[in-house]
Amino acid sequence: MTTETLNRRKFLQASSAGLLVVGFSFSELAQAKSATSLRDAKSVAKDQLDSWLQIDKNNRITVFVGKVDLGTGTQTALTQIAAEELSVPFNSIQMVMGDTATTPDQWLTGAALTIQQGGSELRLAAASARIALLRRAADQWQVPVESLEVKDGVIRQVGNAAREATYGSLIGEGFKLQVDTKAKVKPHTEYSLVGKSIPRVDIPAKVTGEHPYVHDFRLPGMLHARVIRSDLIGATLQSVDDSRARKIKGYVRTVRKGNFLAVVCSSEWAAVKAADAVKAQWSAGPDLPPKA
């Protein structure tokens, strides 16, 4: 048995190395593969603009959010929010959701938090990006930023058709800026996407059976874990015998951290069998208080 002392840094390093993968992008498989290639280079700090957005030279925009779509349409809603603040077409944005190696840590996904909390953070990041790119264009052309406008990801100088630049031509090696917590977001009177009824982006693939659910994911070096729990509330783990589990084909290791116990295997079925094979001894927790 292996006793592991884990912290967040070690856990993410192990995940990136393929030792234990627990974070997934719930949009497209292609996005997951693309996100994997970014693990070593991309920031995930919430205060860094590059953690939220990447724009390539062809004006293709990738947005990274630490939430997942649980079937409530939040992928569509978050895309609307980002596209609105960036002044770009809805379909120009690719969304990467919930990949712990490439997206900002936005806490959990639950109830209205995705839009209430996560949407507000994304809105501010997108507004910061739009303002930063307008300033870059103004500096490049030596004109007041107030003389510029942006539509469909193209910045133009009002009254001067010769001056225009795409976001992609201005982005260079990235923003390398912090999210401006005081960035001026668009007033609702200027909305063209937010608040509008837009077909959900996840529905077609779900109808045709092409949508990748969590059990469909197969990433390089991916392993499967199974947590072993006591039937007793507040129990303390006393001893572990994993000798039978070690004989199961696909067994990789047993992980113990205090009262946390799990097995890691090369397949889900191997993890199920290994977890059943582990003999764990638990001591009962404190008794319930007597009835009044």
Protein backbone atom coordinates (compact mmCIF):
# COMPACT_ATOMS: atom_id res chain seq x y z
CA MET A 1 0.00 0.00 0.00
CA THR A 2 1.17 3.53 -0.75
CA THR A 3 0.48 6.25 1.79
CA GLU A 4 0.31 9.56 -0.05
CA THR A 5 0.61 13.05 1.38
CA LEU A 6 -1.11 15.21 -1.21
CA ASN A 7 -1.42 18.94 -1.62
CA ARG A 8 -3.06 20.82 -4.50
CA ARG A 9 0.21 21.36 -6.39
CA LYS A 10 1.27 17.70 -6.18
CA PHE A 11 -2.21 16.55 -7.07
CA LEU A 12 -2.35 18.69 -10.23
CA GLN A 13 1.18 17.66 -11.20
CA ALA A 14 0.20 14.03 -10.85
CA SER A 15 -2.94 14.62 -12.88
CA SER A 16 -1.01 16.27 -15.70
CA ALA A 17 1.46 13.39 -15.72
CA GLY A 18 -1.35 10.91 -16.17
CA LEU A 19 -1.21 9.39 -12.69
CA LEU A 20 -4.73 10.38 -11.75
CA VAL A 21 -7.13 12.35 -13.91
CA VAL A 22 -10.17 13.79 -12.23
CA GLY A 23 -10.82 16.98 -14.20
CA PHE A 24 -12.61 16.93 -17.54
CA SER A 25 -13.91 19.37 -20.11
CA PHE A 26 -17.58 18.61 -20.61
CA SER A 27 -17.85 20.20 -24.04
CA GLU A 28 -16.08 18.57 -26.99
CA LEU A 29 -13.45 15.83 -26.97
CA ALA A 30 -11.39 17.96 -29.32
CA GLN A 31 -11.38 20.71 -26.72
CA ALA A 32 -10.09 18.29 -24.11
CA LYS A 33 -7.22 17.27 -26.39
CA SER A 34 -6.47 20.91 -27.18
CA ALA A 35 -6.56 21.82 -23.50
CA THR A 36 -4.15 19.01 -22.66
CA SER A 37 -1.51 20.58 -24.91
CA LEU A 38 -1.81 23.82 -22.93
CA ARG A 39 -1.17 22.30 -19.49
CA ASP A 40 2.48 23.26 -19.25
CA ALA A 41 2.18 26.80 -20.59
CA LYS A 42 -1.17 28.27 -19.61
CA SER A 43 -1.92 30.28 -16.47
CA VAL A 44 -4.96 29.32 -14.39
CA ALA A 45 -4.75 32.21 -11.90
CA LYS A 46 -8.13 33.95 -11.66
CA ASP A 47 -6.60 37.42 -11.66
CA GLN A 48 -4.72 36.85 -14.95
CA LEU A 49 -6.51 37.73 -18.19
CA ASP A 50 -4.72 34.98 -20.12
CA SER A 51 -6.29 32.42 -17.78
CA TRP A 52 -9.72 33.25 -19.20
CA LEU A 53 -9.16 33.98 -22.87
CA GLN A 54 -6.93 33.05 -25.76
CA ILE A 55 -7.21 34.61 -29.21
CA ASP A 56 -5.26 33.27 -32.17
CA LYS A 57 -4.11 35.19 -35.24
CA ASN A 58 -7.19 34.05 -37.16
CA ASN A 59 -9.45 35.70 -34.57
CA ARG A 60 -10.58 32.38 -33.12
CA ILE A 61 -11.36 32.80 -29.44
CA THR A 62 -11.10 30.15 -26.75
CA VAL A 63 -12.74 30.88 -23.40
CA PHE A 64 -11.79 28.92 -20.28
CA VAL A 65 -14.21 28.62 -17.36
CA GLY A 66 -13.95 26.52 -14.23
CA LYS A 67 -17.61 25.52 -14.33
CA VAL A 68 -19.31 22.60 -16.07
CA ASP A 69 -22.66 22.35 -17.84
CA LEU A 70 -24.87 19.93 -15.93
CA GLY A 71 -27.54 20.01 -18.63
CA THR A 72 -28.97 23.42 -17.75
CA GLY A 73 -27.60 25.26 -20.78
CA THR A 74 -24.84 27.15 -18.99
CA GLN A 75 -22.35 26.55 -21.81
CA THR A 76 -24.64 28.50 -24.13
CA ALA A 77 -25.27 31.23 -21.55
CA LEU A 78 -21.58 31.71 -20.75
CA THR A 79 -20.77 31.88 -24.46
CA GLN A 80 -23.40 34.62 -24.81
CA ILE A 81 -21.84 36.57 -21.94
CA ALA A 82 -18.31 36.32 -23.34
CA ALA A 83 -19.35 37.14 -26.92
CA GLU A 84 -21.41 40.10 -25.72
CA GLU A 85 -18.60 41.74 -23.80
CA LEU A 86 -16.01 41.01 -26.50
CA SER A 87 -18.30 42.27 -29.29
CA VAL A 88 -17.77 39.13 -31.36
CA PRO A 89 -20.19 36.71 -33.04
CA PHE A 90 -21.60 33.98 -30.81
CA ASN A 91 -20.20 31.19 -32.99
CA SER A 92 -16.65 32.58 -32.94
CA ILE A 93 -16.12 31.32 -29.38
CA GLN A 94 -14.96 27.87 -28.36
CA MET A 95 -15.63 27.04 -24.72
CA VAL A 96 -13.43 24.86 -22.51
CA MET A 97 -15.20 24.00 -19.27
CA GLY A 98 -14.10 22.38 -16.03
CA ASP A 99 -10.62 21.21 -17.06
CA THR A 100 -8.73 21.69 -13.79
CA ALA A 101 -5.38 21.94 -15.59
CA THR A 102 -6.36 24.80 -17.92
CA THR A 103 -9.30 26.69 -16.39
CA PRO A 104 -9.45 29.13 -13.46
CA ASP A 105 -10.60 27.67 -10.14
CA GLN A 106 -14.16 28.98 -9.88
CA TRP A 107 -15.19 26.80 -6.96
CA LEU A 108 -18.03 24.32 -7.39
CA THR A 109 -20.78 24.05 -9.99
CA GLY A 110 -24.21 24.16 -8.40
CA ALA A 111 -27.63 25.73 -8.71
CA ALA A 112 -27.43 29.33 -9.93
CA LEU A 113 -23.75 29.81 -9.02
CA THR A 114 -22.52 29.21 -12.58
CA ILE A 115 -24.19 32.36 -13.89
CA GLN A 116 -24.42 34.37 -10.68
CA GLN A 117 -20.77 33.94 -9.72
CA GLY A 118 -19.02 32.37 -12.71
CA GLY A 119 -20.83 34.46 -15.30
CA SER A 120 -19.99 37.68 -13.48
CA GLU A 121 -16.30 36.76 -13.36
CA LEU A 122 -16.26 35.86 -17.06
CA ARG A 123 -18.09 39.06 -17.95
CA LEU A 124 -15.44 41.14 -16.19
CA ALA A 125 -12.61 39.22 -17.85
CA ALA A 126 -14.14 39.64 -21.32
CA ALA A 127 -14.72 43.35 -20.75
CA SER A 128 -11.10 43.72 -19.58
CA ALA A 129 -9.93 41.99 -22.77
CA ARG A 130 -12.01 44.23 -25.04
CA ILE A 131 -10.75 47.38 -23.35
CA ALA A 132 -7.13 46.18 -23.42
CA LEU A 133 -7.33 45.48 -27.17
CA LEU A 134 -8.91 48.87 -27.85
CA ARG A 135 -6.02 50.49 -26.00
CA ARG A 136 -3.48 48.49 -28.01
CA ALA A 137 -5.05 49.68 -31.25
CA ALA A 138 -5.10 53.27 -29.99
CA ASP A 139 -1.41 53.09 -29.04
CA GLN A 140 -0.51 51.53 -32.39
CA TRP A 141 -2.30 54.20 -34.38
CA GLN A 142 -1.54 57.05 -31.97
CA VAL A 143 -5.20 58.03 -31.73
CA PRO A 144 -7.58 58.52 -28.78
CA VAL A 145 -9.19 55.28 -27.66
CA GLU A 146 -12.51 57.13 -27.65
CA SER A 147 -12.29 57.42 -31.45
CA LEU A 148 -12.41 53.64 -31.86
CA GLU A 149 -15.26 51.18 -32.10
CA VAL A 150 -15.37 47.40 -32.24
CA LYS A 151 -17.75 45.08 -34.04
CA ASP A 152 -17.41 41.36 -34.72
CA GLY A 153 -13.91 41.34 -33.27
CA VAL A 154 -12.65 44.07 -35.60
CA ILE A 155 -11.55 47.45 -34.24
CA ARG A 156 -12.02 50.50 -36.48
CA GLN A 157 -11.43 54.19 -36.18
CA VAL A 158 -14.69 56.05 -36.64
CA GLY A 159 -14.58 58.03 -39.88
CA ASN A 160 -11.35 56.43 -41.10
CA ALA A 161 -12.04 53.24 -43.07
CA ALA A 162 -8.32 52.70 -43.67
CA ARG A 163 -7.71 51.94 -40.03
CA GLU A 164 -8.97 48.60 -38.84
CA ALA A 165 -7.44 45.66 -37.01
CA THR A 166 -8.73 42.31 -35.82
CA TYR A 167 -8.29 41.15 -32.25
CA GLY A 168 -6.02 38.41 -33.57
CA SER A 169 -3.64 40.87 -35.20
CA LEU A 170 -3.30 42.81 -31.94
CA ILE A 171 -3.02 39.97 -29.43
CA GLY A 172 0.66 39.11 -29.99
CA GLU A 173 1.88 36.64 -27.36
CA GLY A 174 -1.15 37.17 -25.14
CA PHE A 175 -2.51 39.83 -22.81
CA LYS A 176 -0.02 39.50 -19.96
CA LEU A 177 -2.36 41.65 -17.89
CA GLN A 178 -4.43 41.27 -14.76
CA VAL A 179 -8.21 41.27 -14.96
CA ASP A 180 -9.37 44.84 -14.38
CA THR A 181 -11.79 44.57 -11.47
CA LYS A 182 -13.14 48.02 -12.39
CA ALA A 183 -13.48 47.39 -16.13
CA LYS A 184 -16.52 49.11 -17.62
CA VAL A 185 -18.93 46.43 -18.80
CA LYS A 186 -21.57 47.05 -21.43
CA PRO A 187 -24.88 48.53 -20.25
CA HIS A 188 -27.84 46.22 -20.80
CA THR A 189 -29.29 48.69 -23.29
CA GLU A 190 -26.49 47.72 -25.71
CA TYR A 191 -27.01 43.96 -25.42
CA SER A 192 -27.49 42.05 -28.64
CA LEU A 193 -26.83 38.51 -27.34
CA VAL A 194 -27.41 38.37 -23.58
CA GLY A 195 -31.09 38.00 -22.80
CA LYS A 196 -31.86 36.69 -26.27
CA SER A 197 -33.19 33.22 -27.02
CA ILE A 198 -30.37 31.30 -28.70
CA PRO A 199 -30.46 27.57 -29.57
CA ARG A 200 -28.43 25.65 -27.02
CA VAL A 201 -25.10 24.48 -28.36
CA ASP A 202 -25.24 21.12 -26.54
CA ILE A 203 -28.60 19.88 -27.82
CA PRO A 204 -27.72 18.62 -31.36
CA ALA A 205 -24.97 16.28 -30.13
CA LYS A 206 -27.20 14.95 -27.34
CA VAL A 207 -30.02 14.21 -29.78
CA THR A 208 -27.71 12.32 -32.16
CA GLY A 209 -25.82 10.48 -29.41
CA GLU A 210 -22.52 12.19 -30.19
CA HIS A 211 -22.23 14.16 -26.95
CA PRO A 212 -19.27 12.93 -24.86
CA TYR A 213 -20.31 12.24 -21.28
CA VAL A 214 -17.78 11.77 -18.51
CA HIS A 215 -17.63 7.98 -18.98
CA ASP A 216 -16.79 8.47 -22.66
CA PHE A 217 -13.54 10.30 -21.99
CA ARG A 218 -10.27 8.58 -22.74
CA LEU A 219 -7.25 10.81 -22.16
CA PRO A 220 -3.56 9.87 -22.52
CA GLY A 221 -2.37 8.04 -19.40
CA MET A 222 -5.82 8.16 -17.85
CA LEU A 223 -6.41 6.03 -14.75
CA HIS A 224 -9.53 5.26 -12.74
CA ALA A 225 -10.01 5.64 -8.99
CA ARG A 226 -12.51 4.16 -6.58
CA VAL A 227 -13.01 5.55 -3.07
CA ILE A 228 -13.45 3.05 -0.24
CA ARG A 229 -15.75 4.27 2.52
CA SER A 230 -16.88 3.04 5.90
CA ASP A 231 -20.53 2.34 6.65
CA LEU A 232 -20.08 4.23 9.93
CA ILE A 233 -20.38 7.99 10.36
CA GLY A 234 -17.22 9.58 11.71
CA ALA A 235 -15.25 6.31 11.53
CA THR A 236 -11.45 6.24 11.81
CA LEU A 237 -9.39 4.07 9.46
CA GLN A 238 -7.33 1.66 11.56
CA SER A 239 -5.69 -0.71 9.08
CA VAL A 240 -5.67 -1.65 5.40
CA ASP A 241 -4.94 -5.00 3.73
CA ASP A 242 -4.70 -4.58 -0.04
CA SER A 243 -2.89 -7.86 -0.81
CA ARG A 244 -5.84 -9.26 -2.78
CA ALA A 245 -6.29 -6.01 -4.70
CA ARG A 246 -2.67 -6.10 -5.85
CA LYS A 247 -3.34 -9.35 -7.73
CA ILE A 248 -6.06 -7.82 -9.89
CA LYS A 249 -5.05 -7.07 -13.48
CA GLY A 250 -4.87 -3.30 -13.95
CA TYR A 251 -4.18 -2.47 -10.28
CA VAL A 252 -1.81 0.50 -9.93
CA ARG A 253 -1.80 1.60 -6.30
CA THR A 254 -3.69 2.12 -3.08
CA VAL A 255 -3.83 5.70 -1.85
CA ARG A 256 -4.35 6.54 1.81
CA LYS A 257 -4.47 10.01 3.30
CA GLY A 258 -5.65 9.96 6.89
CA ASN A 259 -9.13 8.46 6.77
CA PHE A 260 -9.32 8.77 2.99
CA LEU A 261 -8.79 5.48 1.16
CA ALA A 262 -8.91 4.75 -2.57
CA VAL A 263 -7.53 2.42 -5.21
CA VAL A 264 -6.20 3.52 -8.61
CA CYS A 265 -6.34 1.19 -11.63
CA SER A 266 -5.98 1.25 -15.40
CA SER A 267 -9.70 0.61 -16.00
CA GLU A 268 -12.95 1.39 -14.23
CA TRP A 269 -13.85 -2.29 -13.82
CA ALA A 270 -10.43 -3.06 -12.34
CA ALA A 271 -10.96 -0.22 -9.85
CA VAL A 272 -14.36 -1.63 -8.88
CA LYS A 273 -12.90 -5.10 -8.27
CA ALA A 274 -9.84 -3.75 -6.44
CA ALA A 275 -11.98 -1.63 -4.12
CA ASP A 276 -14.07 -4.69 -3.25
CA ALA A 277 -10.89 -6.70 -2.61
CA VAL A 278 -9.39 -4.24 -0.11
CA LYS A 279 -9.98 -5.13 3.53
CA ALA A 280 -10.21 -2.01 5.66
CA GLN A 281 -10.69 -1.96 9.41
CA TRP A 282 -12.56 1.04 10.80
CA SER A 283 -13.26 2.11 14.35
CA ALA A 284 -16.67 3.55 15.10
CA GLY A 285 -17.05 7.26 15.55
CA PRO A 286 -18.49 8.91 18.66
CA ASP A 287 -21.91 7.75 19.78
CA LEU A 288 -24.91 9.91 19.14
CA PRO A 289 -26.00 11.96 22.16
CA PRO A 290 -28.81 10.38 24.22
CA LYS A 291 -32.34 11.45 23.52
CA ALA A 292 -33.56 14.28 25.70
